[in-house]
Amino acid sequence: MMGEHEEQDLEPESENHAGERAGPAGFAAGLVVGALLGATVALLFAPERGDRTRRAVRRRLERLRDEAADGIGRAGRITRKDVLRRRRQLRDQIEKALDRF
């Protein structure tokens, strides 16, 4: 059983306004949805000819795709580090609890 001071060592997970857990997957989904909405708005309000607008939007979407891939990669690395850190914390807490018995 964990003591009060040990419970405080664990960081709470962040939650969004709907009470759902926010994380790398939520961030990536928001990035993709935002990119699609931005591209749609750009097409609707573009002052350029259609072919030029399509080229510009295509280039922008390619950049966004690359940025999203980089962001997802970074989020994955951060998540793996966090999982390893939490696993070590849990292992240490279990060892401390076993030593008390």
N, C-alpha and C. Protein backbone atom coordinates (compact mmCIF):
# COMPACT_ATOMS: atom_id res chain seq x y z
N MET A 1 0.85 -1.17 0.00
CA MET A 1 0.00 0.00 0.00
C MET A 1 0.90 1.24 0.00
N MET A 2 0.60 2.21 -0.84
CA MET A 2 1.43 3.41 -0.95
C MET A 2 1.01 4.42 0.10
N GLY A 3 2.02 5.12 0.66
CA GLY A 3 1.74 6.19 1.60
C GLY A 3 1.35 7.45 0.85
N GLU A 4 0.91 8.44 1.61
CA GLU A 4 0.48 9.70 1.00
C GLU A 4 1.59 10.37 0.23
N HIS A 5 2.79 10.39 0.81
CA HIS A 5 3.90 11.07 0.15
C HIS A 5 4.33 10.35 -1.12
N GLU A 6 4.15 9.05 -1.19
CA GLU A 6 4.51 8.30 -2.38
C GLU A 6 3.51 8.53 -3.51
N GLU A 7 2.25 8.72 -3.19
CA GLU A 7 1.25 8.96 -4.21
C GLU A 7 1.52 10.26 -4.94
N GLN A 8 2.11 11.23 -4.25
CA GLN A 8 2.38 12.52 -4.85
C GLN A 8 3.51 12.44 -5.85
N ASP A 9 4.34 11.38 -5.81
CA ASP A 9 5.44 11.23 -6.75
C ASP A 9 4.93 10.98 -8.17
N LEU A 10 3.76 10.39 -8.29
CA LEU A 10 3.21 10.09 -9.61
C LEU A 10 2.55 11.33 -10.17
N GLU A 11 2.91 11.68 -11.39
CA GLU A 11 2.33 12.86 -12.02
C GLU A 11 0.95 12.53 -12.56
N PRO A 12 -0.03 13.41 -12.38
CA PRO A 12 -1.36 13.15 -12.94
C PRO A 12 -1.32 13.30 -14.46
N GLU A 13 -2.13 12.53 -15.14
CA GLU A 13 -2.23 12.66 -16.58
C GLU A 13 -3.08 13.86 -16.91
N SER A 14 -2.71 14.58 -17.96
CA SER A 14 -3.49 15.76 -18.32
C SER A 14 -4.80 15.32 -18.96
N GLU A 15 -5.82 16.13 -18.74
CA GLU A 15 -7.13 15.85 -19.33
C GLU A 15 -7.59 17.06 -20.10
N ASN A 16 -8.35 16.81 -21.18
CA ASN A 16 -8.90 17.94 -21.94
C ASN A 16 -10.21 18.38 -21.32
N HIS A 17 -10.86 19.35 -21.93
CA HIS A 17 -12.08 19.92 -21.35
C HIS A 17 -13.22 18.92 -21.26
N ALA A 18 -13.19 17.84 -22.01
CA ALA A 18 -14.25 16.84 -21.95
C ALA A 18 -13.93 15.75 -20.94
N GLY A 19 -12.80 15.88 -20.23
CA GLY A 19 -12.42 14.89 -19.24
C GLY A 19 -11.71 13.69 -19.83
N GLU A 20 -11.39 13.73 -21.11
CA GLU A 20 -10.69 12.62 -21.75
C GLU A 20 -9.20 12.85 -21.62
N ARG A 21 -8.43 11.77 -21.65
CA ARG A 21 -6.99 11.90 -21.54
C ARG A 21 -6.42 12.50 -22.83
N ALA A 22 -5.57 13.50 -22.65
CA ALA A 22 -4.89 14.11 -23.79
C ALA A 22 -3.51 13.48 -23.88
N GLY A 23 -3.03 13.30 -25.06
CA GLY A 23 -1.71 12.70 -25.23
C GLY A 23 -1.23 12.89 -26.65
N PRO A 24 -0.17 12.18 -27.00
CA PRO A 24 0.40 12.31 -28.34
C PRO A 24 -0.59 11.97 -29.45
N ALA A 25 -1.41 10.97 -29.24
CA ALA A 25 -2.38 10.60 -30.28
C ALA A 25 -3.41 11.70 -30.47
N GLY A 26 -3.86 12.29 -29.37
CA GLY A 26 -4.82 13.39 -29.46
C GLY A 26 -4.21 14.60 -30.14
N PHE A 27 -2.94 14.86 -29.83
CA PHE A 27 -2.24 15.97 -30.47
C PHE A 27 -2.13 15.74 -31.96
N ALA A 28 -1.73 14.54 -32.35
CA ALA A 28 -1.58 14.22 -33.77
C ALA A 28 -2.92 14.33 -34.50
N ALA A 29 -3.98 13.84 -33.87
CA ALA A 29 -5.30 13.92 -34.50
C ALA A 29 -5.71 15.38 -34.67
N GLY A 30 -5.45 16.20 -33.67
CA GLY A 30 -5.77 17.62 -33.76
C GLY A 30 -4.97 18.30 -34.85
N LEU A 31 -3.73 17.90 -34.99
CA LEU A 31 -2.87 18.46 -36.04
C LEU A 31 -3.41 18.12 -37.42
N VAL A 32 -3.80 16.89 -37.63
CA VAL A 32 -4.33 16.46 -38.93
C VAL A 32 -5.65 17.17 -39.24
N VAL A 33 -6.54 17.21 -38.26
CA VAL A 33 -7.83 17.87 -38.47
C VAL A 33 -7.62 19.35 -38.77
N GLY A 34 -6.74 19.99 -38.03
CA GLY A 34 -6.44 21.40 -38.27
C GLY A 34 -5.88 21.64 -39.66
N ALA A 35 -5.00 20.75 -40.11
CA ALA A 35 -4.41 20.88 -41.44
C ALA A 35 -5.49 20.74 -42.53
N LEU A 36 -6.38 19.78 -42.35
CA LEU A 36 -7.44 19.59 -43.33
C LEU A 36 -8.39 20.79 -43.37
N LEU A 37 -8.74 21.30 -42.20
CA LEU A 37 -9.61 22.47 -42.16
C LEU A 37 -8.93 23.69 -42.78
N GLY A 38 -7.66 23.85 -42.49
CA GLY A 38 -6.91 24.96 -43.07
C GLY A 38 -6.83 24.87 -44.58
N ALA A 39 -6.61 23.67 -45.09
CA ALA A 39 -6.54 23.49 -46.54
C ALA A 39 -7.89 23.78 -47.19
N THR A 40 -8.96 23.36 -46.55
CA THR A 40 -10.30 23.61 -47.08
C THR A 40 -10.61 25.10 -47.13
N VAL A 41 -10.29 25.79 -46.06
CA VAL A 41 -10.52 27.23 -46.01
C VAL A 41 -9.67 27.93 -47.06
N ALA A 42 -8.44 27.49 -47.23
CA ALA A 42 -7.55 28.09 -48.23
C ALA A 42 -8.14 27.94 -49.63
N LEU A 43 -8.69 26.78 -49.92
CA LEU A 43 -9.30 26.57 -51.24
C LEU A 43 -10.53 27.44 -51.44
N LEU A 44 -11.30 27.61 -50.41
CA LEU A 44 -12.53 28.40 -50.52
C LEU A 44 -12.26 29.90 -50.72
N PHE A 45 -11.21 30.39 -50.10
CA PHE A 45 -10.96 31.82 -50.13
C PHE A 45 -9.73 32.22 -50.93
N ALA A 46 -9.21 31.33 -51.73
CA ALA A 46 -7.97 31.59 -52.46
C ALA A 46 -8.20 32.60 -53.58
N PRO A 47 -7.33 33.63 -53.67
CA PRO A 47 -7.45 34.62 -54.75
C PRO A 47 -6.75 34.17 -56.04
N GLU A 48 -6.00 33.11 -56.00
CA GLU A 48 -5.24 32.64 -57.17
C GLU A 48 -6.10 31.74 -58.06
N ARG A 49 -5.57 31.47 -59.25
CA ARG A 49 -6.22 30.52 -60.15
C ARG A 49 -6.21 29.13 -59.51
N GLY A 50 -7.10 28.28 -59.96
CA GLY A 50 -7.26 26.94 -59.39
C GLY A 50 -5.99 26.10 -59.41
N ASP A 51 -5.28 26.06 -60.54
CA ASP A 51 -4.09 25.22 -60.62
C ASP A 51 -2.98 25.73 -59.69
N ARG A 52 -2.83 27.03 -59.59
CA ARG A 52 -1.81 27.58 -58.68
C ARG A 52 -2.20 27.32 -57.23
N THR A 53 -3.45 27.47 -56.94
CA THR A 53 -3.93 27.23 -55.57
C THR A 53 -3.73 25.77 -55.20
N ARG A 54 -4.07 24.87 -56.11
CA ARG A 54 -3.90 23.44 -55.82
C ARG A 54 -2.44 23.10 -55.57
N ARG A 55 -1.53 23.69 -56.37
CA ARG A 55 -0.10 23.44 -56.17
C ARG A 55 0.34 23.95 -54.79
N ALA A 56 -0.09 25.16 -54.46
CA ALA A 56 0.29 25.74 -53.17
C ALA A 56 -0.27 24.92 -52.01
N VAL A 57 -1.51 24.51 -52.13
CA VAL A 57 -2.12 23.70 -51.07
C VAL A 57 -1.42 22.36 -50.98
N ARG A 58 -1.09 21.76 -52.11
CA ARG A 58 -0.39 20.47 -52.11
C ARG A 58 0.96 20.60 -51.41
N ARG A 59 1.71 21.67 -51.73
CA ARG A 59 3.01 21.86 -51.08
C ARG A 59 2.84 22.06 -49.57
N ARG A 60 1.83 22.84 -49.21
CA ARG A 60 1.59 23.09 -47.79
C ARG A 60 1.19 21.80 -47.06
N LEU A 61 0.34 21.00 -47.69
CA LEU A 61 -0.06 19.73 -47.07
C LEU A 61 1.12 18.77 -46.96
N GLU A 62 2.02 18.80 -47.94
CA GLU A 62 3.21 17.95 -47.85
C GLU A 62 4.08 18.38 -46.69
N ARG A 63 4.24 19.70 -46.52
CA ARG A 63 5.02 20.20 -45.37
C ARG A 63 4.34 19.81 -44.06
N LEU A 64 3.03 19.98 -44.00
CA LEU A 64 2.31 19.62 -42.78
C LEU A 64 2.41 18.13 -42.47
N ARG A 65 2.36 17.31 -43.54
CA ARG A 65 2.50 15.87 -43.35
C ARG A 65 3.87 15.55 -42.76
N ASP A 66 4.91 16.19 -43.31
CA ASP A 66 6.26 15.96 -42.80
C ASP A 66 6.39 16.43 -41.35
N GLU A 67 5.82 17.61 -41.06
CA GLU A 67 5.87 18.13 -39.69
C GLU A 67 5.09 17.22 -38.74
N ALA A 68 3.95 16.72 -39.20
CA ALA A 68 3.15 15.82 -38.36
C ALA A 68 3.92 14.53 -38.08
N ALA A 69 4.59 13.99 -39.12
CA ALA A 69 5.37 12.77 -38.93
C ALA A 69 6.49 13.01 -37.92
N ASP A 70 7.15 14.16 -38.03
CA ASP A 70 8.20 14.50 -37.06
C ASP A 70 7.63 14.62 -35.66
N GLY A 71 6.48 15.30 -35.54
CA GLY A 71 5.85 15.48 -34.24
C GLY A 71 5.42 14.15 -33.63
N ILE A 72 4.89 13.27 -34.46
CA ILE A 72 4.48 11.96 -33.96
C ILE A 72 5.69 11.16 -33.52
N GLY A 73 6.78 11.26 -34.28
CA GLY A 73 8.01 10.57 -33.89
C GLY A 73 8.53 11.08 -32.56
N ARG A 74 8.53 12.41 -32.38
CA ARG A 74 8.97 12.99 -31.11
C ARG A 74 8.05 12.56 -29.98
N ALA A 75 6.75 12.59 -30.23
CA ALA A 75 5.79 12.19 -29.19
C ALA A 75 6.01 10.73 -28.80
N GLY A 76 6.29 9.89 -29.78
CA GLY A 76 6.56 8.48 -29.49
C GLY A 76 7.79 8.30 -28.63
N ARG A 77 8.85 9.06 -28.94
CA ARG A 77 10.08 8.97 -28.14
C ARG A 77 9.83 9.46 -26.72
N ILE A 78 9.10 10.56 -26.59
CA ILE A 78 8.79 11.10 -25.27
C ILE A 78 7.94 10.11 -24.48
N THR A 79 6.96 9.51 -25.16
CA THR A 79 6.08 8.54 -24.49
C THR A 79 6.87 7.33 -24.02
N ARG A 80 7.77 6.82 -24.88
CA ARG A 80 8.58 5.67 -24.46
C ARG A 80 9.43 6.01 -23.25
N LYS A 81 10.05 7.21 -23.24
CA LYS A 81 10.85 7.62 -22.09
C LYS A 81 9.99 7.71 -20.84
N ASP A 82 8.78 8.26 -20.99
CA ASP A 82 7.88 8.40 -19.85
C ASP A 82 7.46 7.04 -19.32
N VAL A 83 7.17 6.10 -20.20
CA VAL A 83 6.78 4.76 -19.78
C VAL A 83 7.93 4.11 -19.01
N LEU A 84 9.15 4.24 -19.52
CA LEU A 84 10.30 3.66 -18.83
C LEU A 84 10.50 4.30 -17.45
N ARG A 85 10.34 5.63 -17.38
CA ARG A 85 10.49 6.33 -16.10
C ARG A 85 9.43 5.86 -15.11
N ARG A 86 8.19 5.76 -15.56
CA ARG A 86 7.10 5.32 -14.67
C ARG A 86 7.29 3.86 -14.26
N ARG A 87 7.80 3.05 -15.16
CA ARG A 87 8.06 1.65 -14.83
C ARG A 87 9.12 1.56 -13.73
N ARG A 88 10.17 2.38 -13.85
CA ARG A 88 11.21 2.40 -12.81
C ARG A 88 10.63 2.86 -11.48
N GLN A 89 9.78 3.90 -11.52
CA GLN A 89 9.16 4.39 -10.28
C GLN A 89 8.32 3.29 -9.64
N LEU A 90 7.54 2.61 -10.44
CA LEU A 90 6.68 1.54 -9.91
C LEU A 90 7.53 0.42 -9.33
N ARG A 91 8.59 0.03 -10.04
CA ARG A 91 9.48 -1.02 -9.56
C ARG A 91 10.10 -0.61 -8.22
N ASP A 92 10.55 0.65 -8.12
CA ASP A 92 11.14 1.14 -6.87
C ASP A 92 10.12 1.11 -5.74
N GLN A 93 8.89 1.52 -6.03
CA GLN A 93 7.86 1.53 -4.99
C GLN A 93 7.51 0.12 -4.55
N ILE A 94 7.50 -0.81 -5.49
CA ILE A 94 7.22 -2.21 -5.13
C ILE A 94 8.35 -2.75 -4.26
N GLU A 95 9.59 -2.46 -4.63
CA GLU A 95 10.74 -2.93 -3.83
C GLU A 95 10.69 -2.35 -2.43
N LYS A 96 10.35 -1.05 -2.30
CA LYS A 96 10.25 -0.43 -0.98
C LYS A 96 9.16 -1.11 -0.15
N ALA A 97 8.02 -1.39 -0.79
CA ALA A 97 6.92 -2.05 -0.09
C ALA A 97 7.31 -3.44 0.35
N LEU A 98 8.00 -4.18 -0.52
CA LEU A 98 8.44 -5.54 -0.15
C LEU A 98 9.46 -5.52 0.96
N ASP A 99 10.33 -4.50 0.95
CA ASP A 99 11.35 -4.40 2.01
C ASP A 99 10.71 -4.16 3.37
N ARG A 100 9.55 -3.52 3.40
CA ARG A 100 8.87 -3.23 4.67
C ARG A 100 8.28 -4.51 5.28
N PHE A 101 8.04 -5.51 4.46
CA PHE A 101 7.43 -6.75 4.97
C PHE A 101 8.45 -7.74 5.34
